[in-house]
Amino acid sequence: MSDAVDLFEDPTDTHDQILEATFHALCEHGYSNLTLERIGAEFEKSTSLVYHHYDGKDDLLYDLLEYLLDRYEAEVPLSEDDPETQIRELIETAFGGEFQDGFGQALVELRAQATHDPEFRRLFERTDAFVIEHLARLIRAGVEAGTFADVDADRTAALIYVSVVGVHTVDNTSTSAVSADAIDELEALFETHLLR
């Protein structure tokens, strides 16, 4: 199995076990080399069960992506208390810990498919909108509390989110250290553009 972080908390039902096997196979083989047979090799039960539940790899990957995005959304704290801390924690979570390693790699692999596949695109658009709207709510709350400058909350939220997604993409597709510079600049932007 892959060394990717365990996002499945010891699943007991067959469906979740198949998703976990798919996640590990995706991290190990990548999208283009992923087959139901390779998923079956990561699955502790019979490979025929994978075929019983899914017609092809994309149907299975739609379910996996939805699971991963649901998991990500569930980790986002929805309180609007202390917006500065909330945004900082959201950014810190995005740049380390559970949402790096295998998770980030899997998301980059699947986001690339969204350029041609409307179902992948729909799922990413859902989560993109969810996170951007949450960031915008936090920014509006910070503006009202006098913590943040009077900025356009929607545009600033979009900039923060796109920066995070961009860093994830670079981290998972390049050995360049450019993402560290981007993280530093995002922090500087936070200090100069958003904070009063």
Foldseek 3Di string as FASTA:
>chain_A
DAPADDPQVPDDDPLSLLLRLLLRLCLVQNDVRDFLVSSQVSRPDHSVVVVVVDVTDVVSVLVSLLVLLVSVLVPQDQDLPPLVVSVVVNLVVLVDDNCAGSNLLSLLRLVVCVVPDVSSVVSVVVSLVSQLVSQLSSLVSCVVVLFWPPDNSNVVSNVSSVLSNVLSNCVNPHPDPVSVVSVVVVVVCCVPHIGD
